[in-house]
Amino acid sequence: HDFAFSALAERSDSQPAAWRRPFLRW
């Protein structure tokens, strides 16, 4: 479970969804 979430977090950071990008700029 922890490994899956870690992989999801890394993938989200490298290829963020469009709705996340304003938060990342912030």
mmCIF file of all heavy atoms, coordinates in Angstrom:
data_MODEL
# 
_entry.id   MODEL 
# 
loop_
_atom_site.group_PDB 
_atom_site.id 
_atom_site.type_symbol 
_atom_site.label_atom_id 
_atom_site.label_alt_id 
_atom_site.label_comp_id 
_atom_site.label_asym_id 
_atom_site.label_entity_id 
_atom_site.label_seq_id 
_atom_site.pdbx_PDB_ins_code 
_atom_site.Cartn_x 
_atom_site.Cartn_y 
_atom_site.Cartn_z 
_atom_site.occupancy 
_atom_site.B_iso_or_equiv 
_atom_site.pdbx_formal_charge 
_atom_site.auth_seq_id 
_atom_site.auth_comp_id 
_atom_site.auth_asym_id 
_atom_site.auth_atom_id 
_atom_site.pdbx_PDB_model_num 
ATOM 1   N N   . HIS A 1 1  ? 0.837  -1.209 0.000   1.00 0.00 ? 1  HIS A N   1 
ATOM 2   C CA  . HIS A 1 1  ? 0.000  0.000  0.000   1.00 0.00 ? 1  HIS A CA  1 
ATOM 3   C C   . HIS A 1 1  ? 0.864  1.248  0.000   1.00 0.00 ? 1  HIS A C   1 
ATOM 4   O O   . HIS A 1 1  ? 0.630  2.198  -0.763  1.00 0.00 ? 1  HIS A O   1 
ATOM 5   C CB  . HIS A 1 1  ? -0.913 -0.044 1.226   1.00 0.00 ? 1  HIS A CB  1 
ATOM 6   C CG  . HIS A 1 1  ? -1.831 1.138  1.321   1.00 0.00 ? 1  HIS A CG  1 
ATOM 7   N ND1 . HIS A 1 1  ? -1.478 2.278  2.005   1.00 0.00 ? 1  HIS A ND1 1 
ATOM 8   C CD2 . HIS A 1 1  ? -3.079 1.345  0.819   1.00 0.00 ? 1  HIS A CD2 1 
ATOM 9   C CE1 . HIS A 1 1  ? -2.467 3.152  1.923   1.00 0.00 ? 1  HIS A CE1 1 
ATOM 10  N NE2 . HIS A 1 1  ? -3.449 2.613  1.208   1.00 0.00 ? 1  HIS A NE2 1 
ATOM 11  N N   . ASP A 1 2  ? 1.895  1.277  0.869   1.00 0.00 ? 2  ASP A N   1 
ATOM 12  C CA  . ASP A 1 2  ? 2.787  2.430  0.937   1.00 0.00 ? 2  ASP A CA  1 
ATOM 13  C C   . ASP A 1 2  ? 3.565  2.599  -0.356  1.00 0.00 ? 2  ASP A C   1 
ATOM 14  O O   . ASP A 1 2  ? 3.784  3.717  -0.832  1.00 0.00 ? 2  ASP A O   1 
ATOM 15  C CB  . ASP A 1 2  ? 3.759  2.272  2.116   1.00 0.00 ? 2  ASP A CB  1 
ATOM 16  C CG  . ASP A 1 2  ? 3.054  2.379  3.456   1.00 0.00 ? 2  ASP A CG  1 
ATOM 17  O OD1 . ASP A 1 2  ? 2.023  3.065  3.519   1.00 0.00 ? 2  ASP A OD1 1 
ATOM 18  O OD2 . ASP A 1 2  ? 3.527  1.766  4.426   1.00 0.00 ? 2  ASP A OD2 1 
ATOM 19  N N   . PHE A 1 3  ? 3.994  1.492  -0.944  1.00 0.00 ? 3  PHE A N   1 
ATOM 20  C CA  . PHE A 1 3  ? 4.730  1.554  -2.205  1.00 0.00 ? 3  PHE A CA  1 
ATOM 21  C C   . PHE A 1 3  ? 3.853  2.119  -3.314  1.00 0.00 ? 3  PHE A C   1 
ATOM 22  O O   . PHE A 1 3  ? 4.301  2.930  -4.129  1.00 0.00 ? 3  PHE A O   1 
ATOM 23  C CB  . PHE A 1 3  ? 5.240  0.156  -2.588  1.00 0.00 ? 3  PHE A CB  1 
ATOM 24  C CG  . PHE A 1 3  ? 5.963  0.127  -3.897  1.00 0.00 ? 3  PHE A CG  1 
ATOM 25  C CD1 . PHE A 1 3  ? 7.277  0.565  -3.998  1.00 0.00 ? 3  PHE A CD1 1 
ATOM 26  C CD2 . PHE A 1 3  ? 5.324  -0.331 -5.054  1.00 0.00 ? 3  PHE A CD2 1 
ATOM 27  C CE1 . PHE A 1 3  ? 7.939  0.546  -5.224  1.00 0.00 ? 3  PHE A CE1 1 
ATOM 28  C CE2 . PHE A 1 3  ? 5.976  -0.341 -6.268  1.00 0.00 ? 3  PHE A CE2 1 
ATOM 29  C CZ  . PHE A 1 3  ? 7.295  0.101  -6.358  1.00 0.00 ? 3  PHE A CZ  1 
ATOM 30  N N   . ALA A 1 4  ? 2.580  1.690  -3.339  1.00 0.00 ? 4  ALA A N   1 
ATOM 31  C CA  . ALA A 1 4  ? 1.655  2.181  -4.360  1.00 0.00 ? 4  ALA A CA  1 
ATOM 32  C C   . ALA A 1 4  ? 1.441  3.678  -4.234  1.00 0.00 ? 4  ALA A C   1 
ATOM 33  O O   . ALA A 1 4  ? 1.423  4.410  -5.239  1.00 0.00 ? 4  ALA A O   1 
ATOM 34  C CB  . ALA A 1 4  ? 0.328  1.430  -4.254  1.00 0.00 ? 4  ALA A CB  1 
ATOM 35  N N   . PHE A 1 5  ? 1.274  4.159  -3.006  1.00 0.00 ? 5  PHE A N   1 
ATOM 36  C CA  . PHE A 1 5  ? 1.082  5.592  -2.808  1.00 0.00 ? 5  PHE A CA  1 
ATOM 37  C C   . PHE A 1 5  ? 2.344  6.366  -3.153  1.00 0.00 ? 5  PHE A C   1 
ATOM 38  O O   . PHE A 1 5  ? 2.276  7.470  -3.692  1.00 0.00 ? 5  PHE A O   1 
ATOM 39  C CB  . PHE A 1 5  ? 0.672  5.873  -1.356  1.00 0.00 ? 5  PHE A CB  1 
ATOM 40  C CG  . PHE A 1 5  ? -0.814 5.969  -1.185  1.00 0.00 ? 5  PHE A CG  1 
ATOM 41  C CD1 . PHE A 1 5  ? -1.552 4.868  -0.801  1.00 0.00 ? 5  PHE A CD1 1 
ATOM 42  C CD2 . PHE A 1 5  ? -1.470 7.154  -1.425  1.00 0.00 ? 5  PHE A CD2 1 
ATOM 43  C CE1 . PHE A 1 5  ? -2.927 4.952  -0.652  1.00 0.00 ? 5  PHE A CE1 1 
ATOM 44  C CE2 . PHE A 1 5  ? -2.839 7.260  -1.280  1.00 0.00 ? 5  PHE A CE2 1 
ATOM 45  C CZ  . PHE A 1 5  ? -3.576 6.146  -0.893  1.00 0.00 ? 5  PHE A CZ  1 
ATOM 46  N N   . SER A 1 6  ? 3.512  5.797  -2.829  1.00 0.00 ? 6  SER A N   1 
ATOM 47  C CA  . SER A 1 6  ? 4.769  6.455  -3.169  1.00 0.00 ? 6  SER A CA  1 
ATOM 48  C C   . SER A 1 6  ? 4.920  6.585  -4.679  1.00 0.00 ? 6  SER A C   1 
ATOM 49  O O   . SER A 1 6  ? 5.332  7.631  -5.196  1.00 0.00 ? 6  SER A O   1 
ATOM 50  C CB  . SER A 1 6  ? 5.943  5.673  -2.575  1.00 0.00 ? 6  SER A CB  1 
ATOM 51  O OG  . SER A 1 6  ? 7.171  6.260  -2.941  1.00 0.00 ? 6  SER A OG  1 
ATOM 52  N N   . ALA A 1 7  ? 4.576  5.509  -5.405  1.00 0.00 ? 7  ALA A N   1 
ATOM 53  C CA  . ALA A 1 7  ? 4.654  5.552  -6.865  1.00 0.00 ? 7  ALA A CA  1 
ATOM 54  C C   . ALA A 1 7  ? 3.669  6.562  -7.433  1.00 0.00 ? 7  ALA A C   1 
ATOM 55  O O   . ALA A 1 7  ? 3.975  7.306  -8.376  1.00 0.00 ? 7  ALA A O   1 
ATOM 56  C CB  . ALA A 1 7  ? 4.382  4.156  -7.433  1.00 0.00 ? 7  ALA A CB  1 
ATOM 57  N N   . LEU A 1 8  ? 2.463  6.619  -6.860  1.00 0.00 ? 8  LEU A N   1 
ATOM 58  C CA  . LEU A 1 8  ? 1.460  7.584  -7.304  1.00 0.00 ? 8  LEU A CA  1 
ATOM 59  C C   . LEU A 1 8  ? 1.942  9.002  -7.073  1.00 0.00 ? 8  LEU A C   1 
ATOM 60  O O   . LEU A 1 8  ? 1.761  9.885  -7.928  1.00 0.00 ? 8  LEU A O   1 
ATOM 61  C CB  . LEU A 1 8  ? 0.146  7.329  -6.566  1.00 0.00 ? 8  LEU A CB  1 
ATOM 62  C CG  . LEU A 1 8  ? -1.005 8.315  -6.855  1.00 0.00 ? 8  LEU A CG  1 
ATOM 63  C CD1 . LEU A 1 8  ? -1.403 8.241  -8.329  1.00 0.00 ? 8  LEU A CD1 1 
ATOM 64  C CD2 . LEU A 1 8  ? -2.194 8.009  -5.963  1.00 0.00 ? 8  LEU A CD2 1 
ATOM 65  N N   . ALA A 1 9  ? 2.557  9.244  -5.904  1.00 0.00 ? 9  ALA A N   1 
ATOM 66  C CA  . ALA A 1 9  ? 3.061  10.579 -5.589  1.00 0.00 ? 9  ALA A CA  1 
ATOM 67  C C   . ALA A 1 9  ? 4.157  10.991 -6.559  1.00 0.00 ? 9  ALA A C   1 
ATOM 68  O O   . ALA A 1 9  ? 4.180  12.128 -7.049  1.00 0.00 ? 9  ALA A O   1 
ATOM 69  C CB  . ALA A 1 9  ? 3.579  10.618 -4.158  1.00 0.00 ? 9  ALA A CB  1 
ATOM 70  N N   . GLU A 1 10 ? 5.074  10.076 -6.859  1.00 0.00 ? 10 GLU A N   1 
ATOM 71  C CA  . GLU A 1 10 ? 6.160  10.389 -7.778  1.00 0.00 ? 10 GLU A CA  1 
ATOM 72  C C   . GLU A 1 10 ? 5.627  10.656 -9.181  1.00 0.00 ? 10 GLU A C   1 
ATOM 73  O O   . GLU A 1 10 ? 6.073  11.585 -9.871  1.00 0.00 ? 10 GLU A O   1 
ATOM 74  C CB  . GLU A 1 10 ? 7.169  9.245  -7.798  1.00 0.00 ? 10 GLU A CB  1 
ATOM 75  C CG  . GLU A 1 10 ? 7.953  9.096  -6.503  1.00 0.00 ? 10 GLU A CG  1 
ATOM 76  C CD  . GLU A 1 10 ? 8.931  7.939  -6.573  1.00 0.00 ? 10 GLU A CD  1 
ATOM 77  O OE1 . GLU A 1 10 ? 9.047  7.323  -7.658  1.00 0.00 ? 10 GLU A OE1 1 
ATOM 78  O OE2 . GLU A 1 10 ? 9.567  7.648  -5.544  1.00 0.00 ? 10 GLU A OE2 1 
ATOM 79  N N   . ARG A 1 11 ? 4.656  9.872  -9.623  1.00 0.00 ? 11 ARG A N   1 
ATOM 80  C CA  . ARG A 1 11 ? 4.087  10.065 -10.943 1.00 0.00 ? 11 ARG A CA  1 
ATOM 81  C C   . ARG A 1 11 ? 3.328  11.391 -11.027 1.00 0.00 ? 11 ARG A C   1 
ATOM 82  O O   . ARG A 1 11 ? 3.400  12.105 -12.022 1.00 0.00 ? 11 ARG A O   1 
ATOM 83  C CB  . ARG A 1 11 ? 3.159  8.895  -11.282 1.00 0.00 ? 11 ARG A CB  1 
ATOM 84  C CG  . ARG A 1 11 ? 2.608  8.942  -12.719 1.00 0.00 ? 11 ARG A CG  1 
ATOM 85  C CD  . ARG A 1 11 ? 1.990  7.626  -13.127 1.00 0.00 ? 11 ARG A CD  1 
ATOM 86  N NE  . ARG A 1 11 ? 0.854  7.262  -12.286 1.00 0.00 ? 11 ARG A NE  1 
ATOM 87  C CZ  . ARG A 1 11 ? 0.882  6.287  -11.384 1.00 0.00 ? 11 ARG A CZ  1 
ATOM 88  N NH1 . ARG A 1 11 ? 1.998  5.576  -11.190 1.00 0.00 ? 11 ARG A NH1 1 
ATOM 89  N NH2 . ARG A 1 11 ? -0.187 6.007  -10.662 1.00 0.00 ? 11 ARG A NH2 1 
ATOM 90  N N   . SER A 1 12 ? 2.626  11.732 -9.954  1.00 0.00 ? 12 SER A N   1 
ATOM 91  C CA  . SER A 1 12 ? 1.887  12.997 -9.932  1.00 0.00 ? 12 SER A CA  1 
ATOM 92  C C   . SER A 1 12 ? 2.832  14.182 -9.958  1.00 0.00 ? 12 SER A C   1 
ATOM 93  O O   . SER A 1 12 ? 2.548  15.197 -10.606 1.00 0.00 ? 12 SER A O   1 
ATOM 94  C CB  . SER A 1 12 ? 0.993  13.060 -8.692  1.00 0.00 ? 12 SER A CB  1 
ATOM 95  O OG  . SER A 1 12 ? 0.330  14.296 -8.615  1.00 0.00 ? 12 SER A OG  1 
ATOM 96  N N   . ASP A 1 13 ? 3.962  14.068 -9.259  1.00 0.00 ? 13 ASP A N   1 
ATOM 97  C CA  . ASP A 1 13 ? 4.927  15.162 -9.245  1.00 0.00 ? 13 ASP A CA  1 
ATOM 98  C C   . ASP A 1 13 ? 5.610  15.346 -10.596 1.00 0.00 ? 13 ASP A C   1 
ATOM 99  O O   . ASP A 1 13 ? 5.906  16.472 -11.003 1.00 0.00 ? 13 ASP A O   1 
ATOM 100 C CB  . ASP A 1 13 ? 5.979  14.932 -8.158  1.00 0.00 ? 13 ASP A CB  1 
ATOM 101 C CG  . ASP A 1 13 ? 5.424  15.185 -6.758  1.00 0.00 ? 13 ASP A CG  1 
ATOM 102 O OD1 . ASP A 1 13 ? 4.270  15.645 -6.660  1.00 0.00 ? 13 ASP A OD1 1 
ATOM 103 O OD2 . ASP A 1 13 ? 6.137  14.909 -5.780  1.00 0.00 ? 13 ASP A OD2 1 
ATOM 104 N N   . SER A 1 14 ? 5.866  14.253 -11.284 1.00 0.00 ? 14 SER A N   1 
ATOM 105 C CA  . SER A 1 14 ? 6.554  14.336 -12.579 1.00 0.00 ? 14 SER A CA  1 
ATOM 106 C C   . SER A 1 14 ? 5.601  14.685 -13.716 1.00 0.00 ? 14 SER A C   1 
ATOM 107 O O   . SER A 1 14 ? 5.988  15.359 -14.672 1.00 0.00 ? 14 SER A O   1 
ATOM 108 C CB  . SER A 1 14 ? 7.264  13.013 -12.882 1.00 0.00 ? 14 SER A CB  1 
ATOM 109 O OG  . SER A 1 14 ? 6.328  11.948 -12.950 1.00 0.00 ? 14 SER A OG  1 
ATOM 110 N N   . GLN A 1 15 ? 4.332  14.232 -13.620 1.00 0.00 ? 15 GLN A N   1 
ATOM 111 C CA  . GLN A 1 15 ? 3.336  14.509 -14.647 1.00 0.00 ? 15 GLN A CA  1 
ATOM 112 C C   . GLN A 1 15 ? 2.036  14.981 -13.982 1.00 0.00 ? 15 GLN A C   1 
ATOM 113 O O   . GLN A 1 15 ? 1.041  14.268 -13.944 1.00 0.00 ? 15 GLN A O   1 
ATOM 114 C CB  . GLN A 1 15 ? 3.076  13.255 -15.493 1.00 0.00 ? 15 GLN A CB  1 
ATOM 115 C CG  . GLN A 1 15 ? 4.299  12.784 -16.269 1.00 0.00 ? 15 GLN A CG  1 
ATOM 116 C CD  . GLN A 1 15 ? 4.001  11.517 -17.044 1.00 0.00 ? 15 GLN A CD  1 
ATOM 117 O OE1 . GLN A 1 15 ? 3.170  10.697 -16.636 1.00 0.00 ? 15 GLN A OE1 1 
ATOM 118 N NE2 . GLN A 1 15 ? 4.670  11.348 -18.174 1.00 0.00 ? 15 GLN A NE2 1 
ATOM 119 N N   . PRO A 1 16 ? 2.018  16.209 -13.453 1.00 0.00 ? 16 PRO A N   1 
ATOM 120 C CA  . PRO A 1 16 ? 0.854  16.671 -12.689 1.00 0.00 ? 16 PRO A CA  1 
ATOM 121 C C   . PRO A 1 16 ? -0.359 16.886 -13.578 1.00 0.00 ? 16 PRO A C   1 
ATOM 122 O O   . PRO A 1 16 ? -0.247 17.291 -14.737 1.00 0.00 ? 16 PRO A O   1 
ATOM 123 C CB  . PRO A 1 16 ? 1.335  17.987 -12.090 1.00 0.00 ? 16 PRO A CB  1 
ATOM 124 C CG  . PRO A 1 16 ? 2.398  18.468 -13.022 1.00 0.00 ? 16 PRO A CG  1 
ATOM 125 C CD  . PRO A 1 16 ? 3.084  17.226 -13.526 1.00 0.00 ? 16 PRO A CD  1 
ATOM 126 N N   . ALA A 1 17 ? -1.521 16.617 -13.014 1.00 0.00 ? 17 ALA A N   1 
ATOM 127 C CA  . ALA A 1 17 ? -2.769 16.913 -13.708 1.00 0.00 ? 17 ALA A CA  1 
ATOM 128 C C   . ALA A 1 17 ? -2.920 18.425 -13.851 1.00 0.00 ? 17 ALA A C   1 
ATOM 129 O O   . ALA A 1 17 ? -2.334 19.212 -13.092 1.00 0.00 ? 17 ALA A O   1 
ATOM 130 C CB  . ALA A 1 17 ? -3.942 16.331 -12.935 1.00 0.00 ? 17 ALA A CB  1 
ATOM 131 N N   . ALA A 1 18 ? -3.741 18.824 -14.812 1.00 0.00 ? 18 ALA A N   1 
ATOM 132 C CA  . ALA A 1 18 ? -3.890 20.249 -15.106 1.00 0.00 ? 18 ALA A CA  1 
ATOM 133 C C   . ALA A 1 18 ? -4.375 21.040 -13.896 1.00 0.00 ? 18 ALA A C   1 
ATOM 134 O O   . ALA A 1 18 ? -3.929 22.171 -13.654 1.00 0.00 ? 18 ALA A O   1 
ATOM 135 C CB  . ALA A 1 18 ? -4.840 20.429 -16.283 1.00 0.00 ? 18 ALA A CB  1 
ATOM 136 N N   . TRP A 1 19 ? -5.299 20.442 -13.106 1.00 0.00 ? 19 TRP A N   1 
ATOM 137 C CA  . TRP A 1 19 ? -5.851 21.178 -11.977 1.00 0.00 ? 19 TRP A CA  1 
ATOM 138 C C   . TRP A 1 19 ? -4.831 21.373 -10.862 1.00 0.00 ? 19 TRP A C   1 
ATOM 139 O O   . TRP A 1 19 ? -4.981 22.255 -10.010 1.00 0.00 ? 19 TRP A O   1 
ATOM 140 C CB  . TRP A 1 19 ? -7.090 20.481 -11.432 1.00 0.00 ? 19 TRP A CB  1 
ATOM 141 C CG  . TRP A 1 19 ? -6.835 19.147 -10.779 1.00 0.00 ? 19 TRP A CG  1 
ATOM 142 C CD1 . TRP A 1 19 ? -6.874 17.925 -11.371 1.00 0.00 ? 19 TRP A CD1 1 
ATOM 143 C CD2 . TRP A 1 19 ? -6.506 18.908 -9.405  1.00 0.00 ? 19 TRP A CD2 1 
ATOM 144 N NE1 . TRP A 1 19 ? -6.588 16.926 -10.463 1.00 0.00 ? 19 TRP A NE1 1 
ATOM 145 C CE2 . TRP A 1 19 ? -6.372 17.506 -9.254  1.00 0.00 ? 19 TRP A CE2 1 
ATOM 146 C CE3 . TRP A 1 19 ? -6.318 19.733 -8.299  1.00 0.00 ? 19 TRP A CE3 1 
ATOM 147 C CZ2 . TRP A 1 19 ? -6.044 16.914 -8.032  1.00 0.00 ? 19 TRP A CZ2 1 
ATOM 148 C CZ3 . TRP A 1 19 ? -6.001 19.157 -7.074  1.00 0.00 ? 19 TRP A CZ3 1 
ATOM 149 C CH2 . TRP A 1 19 ? -5.867 17.766 -6.955  1.00 0.00 ? 19 TRP A CH2 1 
ATOM 150 N N   . ARG A 1 20 ? -3.753 20.559 -10.878 1.00 0.00 ? 20 ARG A N   1 
ATOM 151 C CA  . ARG A 1 20 ? -2.720 20.693 -9.854  1.00 0.00 ? 20 ARG A CA  1 
ATOM 152 C C   . ARG A 1 20 ? -1.711 21.799 -10.171 1.00 0.00 ? 20 ARG A C   1 
ATOM 153 O O   . ARG A 1 20 ? -1.029 22.287 -9.269  1.00 0.00 ? 20 ARG A O   1 
ATOM 154 C CB  . ARG A 1 20 ? -1.964 19.372 -9.681  1.00 0.00 ? 20 ARG A CB  1 
ATOM 155 C CG  . ARG A 1 20 ? -2.759 18.276 -8.987  1.00 0.00 ? 20 ARG A CG  1 
ATOM 156 C CD  . ARG A 1 20 ? -1.939 17.006 -8.859  1.00 0.00 ? 20 ARG A CD  1 
ATOM 157 N NE  . ARG A 1 20 ? -2.638 16.015 -8.054  1.00 0.00 ? 20 ARG A NE  1 
ATOM 158 C CZ  . ARG A 1 20 ? -2.511 15.878 -6.737  1.00 0.00 ? 20 ARG A CZ  1 
ATOM 159 N NH1 . ARG A 1 20 ? -1.691 16.681 -6.078  1.00 0.00 ? 20 ARG A NH1 1 
ATOM 160 N NH2 . ARG A 1 20 ? -3.192 14.976 -6.073  1.00 0.00 ? 20 ARG A NH2 1 
ATOM 161 N N   . ARG A 1 21 ? -1.614 22.176 -11.419 1.00 0.00 ? 21 ARG A N   1 
ATOM 162 C CA  . ARG A 1 21 ? -0.540 23.088 -11.817 1.00 0.00 ? 21 ARG A CA  1 
ATOM 163 C C   . ARG A 1 21 ? -0.620 24.455 -11.152 1.00 0.00 ? 21 ARG A C   1 
ATOM 164 O O   . ARG A 1 21 ? 0.409  25.019 -10.760 1.00 0.00 ? 21 ARG A O   1 
ATOM 165 C CB  . ARG A 1 21 ? -0.507 23.208 -13.342 1.00 0.00 ? 21 ARG A CB  1 
ATOM 166 C CG  . ARG A 1 21 ? 0.001  21.926 -14.000 1.00 0.00 ? 21 ARG A CG  1 
ATOM 167 C CD  . ARG A 1 21 ? -0.194 21.905 -15.493 1.00 0.00 ? 21 ARG A CD  1 
ATOM 168 N NE  . ARG A 1 21 ? 0.133  20.580 -16.019 1.00 0.00 ? 21 ARG A NE  1 
ATOM 169 C CZ  . ARG A 1 21 ? -0.237 20.141 -17.205 1.00 0.00 ? 21 ARG A CZ  1 
ATOM 170 N NH1 . ARG A 1 21 ? -0.970 20.930 -17.998 1.00 0.00 ? 21 ARG A NH1 1 
ATOM 171 N NH2 . ARG A 1 21 ? 0.091  18.931 -17.609 1.00 0.00 ? 21 ARG A NH2 1 
ATOM 172 N N   . PRO A 1 22 ? -1.829 25.058 -10.973 1.00 0.00 ? 22 PRO A N   1 
ATOM 173 C CA  . PRO A 1 22 ? -1.865 26.337 -10.226 1.00 0.00 ? 22 PRO A CA  1 
ATOM 174 C C   . PRO A 1 22 ? -1.358 26.194 -8.790  1.00 0.00 ? 22 PRO A C   1 
ATOM 175 O O   . PRO A 1 22 ? -0.690 27.103 -8.282  1.00 0.00 ? 22 PRO A O   1 
ATOM 176 C CB  . PRO A 1 22 ? -3.349 26.709 -10.261 1.00 0.00 ? 22 PRO A CB  1 
ATOM 177 C CG  . PRO A 1 22 ? -3.895 25.998 -11.455 1.00 0.00 ? 22 PRO A CG  1 
ATOM 178 C CD  . PRO A 1 22 ? -3.136 24.715 -11.534 1.00 0.00 ? 22 PRO A CD  1 
ATOM 179 N N   . PHE A 1 23 ? -1.638 25.066 -8.166  1.00 0.00 ? 23 PHE A N   1 
ATOM 180 C CA  . PHE A 1 23 ? -1.128 24.838 -6.812  1.00 0.00 ? 23 PHE A CA  1 
ATOM 181 C C   . PHE A 1 23 ? 0.389  24.714 -6.818  1.00 0.00 ? 23 PHE A C   1 
ATOM 182 O O   . PHE A 1 23 ? 1.065  25.207 -5.902  1.00 0.00 ? 23 PHE A O   1 
ATOM 183 C CB  . PHE A 1 23 ? -1.754 23.570 -6.221  1.00 0.00 ? 23 PHE A CB  1 
ATOM 184 C CG  . PHE A 1 23 ? -3.196 23.719 -5.846  1.00 0.00 ? 23 PHE A CG  1 
ATOM 185 C CD1 . PHE A 1 23 ? -4.196 23.354 -6.728  1.00 0.00 ? 23 PHE A CD1 1 
ATOM 186 C CD2 . PHE A 1 23 ? -3.562 24.229 -4.612  1.00 0.00 ? 23 PHE A CD2 1 
ATOM 187 C CE1 . PHE A 1 23 ? -5.534 23.494 -6.395  1.00 0.00 ? 23 PHE A CE1 1 
ATOM 188 C CE2 . PHE A 1 23 ? -4.891 24.375 -4.258  1.00 0.00 ? 23 PHE A CE2 1 
ATOM 189 C CZ  . PHE A 1 23 ? -5.885 24.004 -5.156  1.00 0.00 ? 23 PHE A CZ  1 
ATOM 190 N N   . LEU A 1 24 ? 0.922  24.048 -7.837  1.00 0.00 ? 24 LEU A N   1 
ATOM 191 C CA  . LEU A 1 24 ? 2.369  23.887 -7.920  1.00 0.00 ? 24 LEU A CA  1 
ATOM 192 C C   . LEU A 1 24 ? 3.050  25.237 -8.133  1.00 0.00 ? 24 LEU A C   1 
ATOM 193 O O   . LEU A 1 24 ? 4.108  25.505 -7.543  1.00 0.00 ? 24 LEU A O   1 
ATOM 194 C CB  . LEU A 1 24 ? 2.723  22.923 -9.050  1.00 0.00 ? 24 LEU A CB  1 
ATOM 195 C CG  . LEU A 1 24 ? 2.222  21.480 -8.867  1.00 0.00 ? 24 LEU A CG  1 
ATOM 196 C CD1 . LEU A 1 24 ? 2.539  20.639 -10.087 1.00 0.00 ? 24 LEU A CD1 1 
ATOM 197 C CD2 . LEU A 1 24 ? 2.834  20.853 -7.621  1.00 0.00 ? 24 LEU A CD2 1 
ATOM 198 N N   . ARG A 1 25 ? 2.448  26.105 -8.964  1.00 0.00 ? 25 ARG A N   1 
ATOM 199 C CA  . ARG A 1 25 ? 3.009  27.443 -9.149  1.00 0.00 ? 25 ARG A CA  1 
ATOM 200 C C   . ARG A 1 25 ? 2.961  28.233 -7.841  1.00 0.00 ? 25 ARG A C   1 
ATOM 201 O O   . ARG A 1 25 ? 3.885  28.995 -7.529  1.00 0.00 ? 25 ARG A O   1 
ATOM 202 C CB  . ARG A 1 25 ? 2.255  28.181 -10.252 1.00 0.00 ? 25 ARG A CB  1 
ATOM 203 C CG  . ARG A 1 25 ? 2.589  27.687 -11.659 1.00 0.00 ? 25 ARG A CG  1 
ATOM 204 C CD  . ARG A 1 25 ? 2.092  28.653 -12.726 1.00 0.00 ? 25 ARG A CD  1 
ATOM 205 N NE  . ARG A 1 25 ? 0.639  28.695 -12.793 1.00 0.00 ? 25 ARG A NE  1 
ATOM 206 C CZ  . ARG A 1 25 ? -0.089 27.870 -13.551 1.00 0.00 ? 25 ARG A CZ  1 
ATOM 207 N NH1 . ARG A 1 25 ? 0.497  26.949 -14.295 1.00 0.00 ? 25 ARG A NH1 1 
ATOM 208 N NH2 . ARG A 1 25 ? -1.411 27.980 -13.565 1.00 0.00 ? 25 ARG A NH2 1 
ATOM 209 N N   . TRP A 1 26 ? 1.857  28.047 -7.119  1.00 0.00 ? 26 TRP A N   1 
ATOM 210 C CA  . TRP A 1 26 ? 1.752  28.714 -5.810  1.00 0.00 ? 26 TRP A CA  1 
ATOM 211 C C   . TRP A 1 26 ? 2.835  28.226 -4.865  1.00 0.00 ? 26 TRP A C   1 
ATOM 212 O O   . TRP A 1 26 ? 3.493  29.028 -4.196  1.00 0.00 ? 26 TRP A O   1 
ATOM 213 C CB  . TRP A 1 26 ? 0.358  28.460 -5.234  1.00 0.00 ? 26 TRP A CB  1 
ATOM 214 C CG  . TRP A 1 26 ? 0.228  28.815 -3.787  1.00 0.00 ? 26 TRP A CG  1 
ATOM 215 C CD1 . TRP A 1 26 ? 0.355  30.045 -3.232  1.00 0.00 ? 26 TRP A CD1 1 
ATOM 216 C CD2 . TRP A 1 26 ? -0.037 27.913 -2.715  1.00 0.00 ? 26 TRP A CD2 1 
ATOM 217 N NE1 . TRP A 1 26 ? 0.173  29.977 -1.866  1.00 0.00 ? 26 TRP A NE1 1 
ATOM 218 C CE2 . TRP A 1 26 ? -0.076 28.679 -1.525  1.00 0.00 ? 26 TRP A CE2 1 
ATOM 219 C CE3 . TRP A 1 26 ? -0.278 26.541 -2.637  1.00 0.00 ? 26 TRP A CE3 1 
ATOM 220 C CZ2 . TRP A 1 26 ? -0.325 28.111 -0.287  1.00 0.00 ? 26 TRP A CZ2 1 
ATOM 221 C CZ3 . TRP A 1 26 ? -0.521 25.972 -1.410  1.00 0.00 ? 26 TRP A CZ3 1 
ATOM 222 C CH2 . TRP A 1 26 ? -0.537 26.748 -0.245  1.00 0.00 ? 26 TRP A CH2 1 
# 
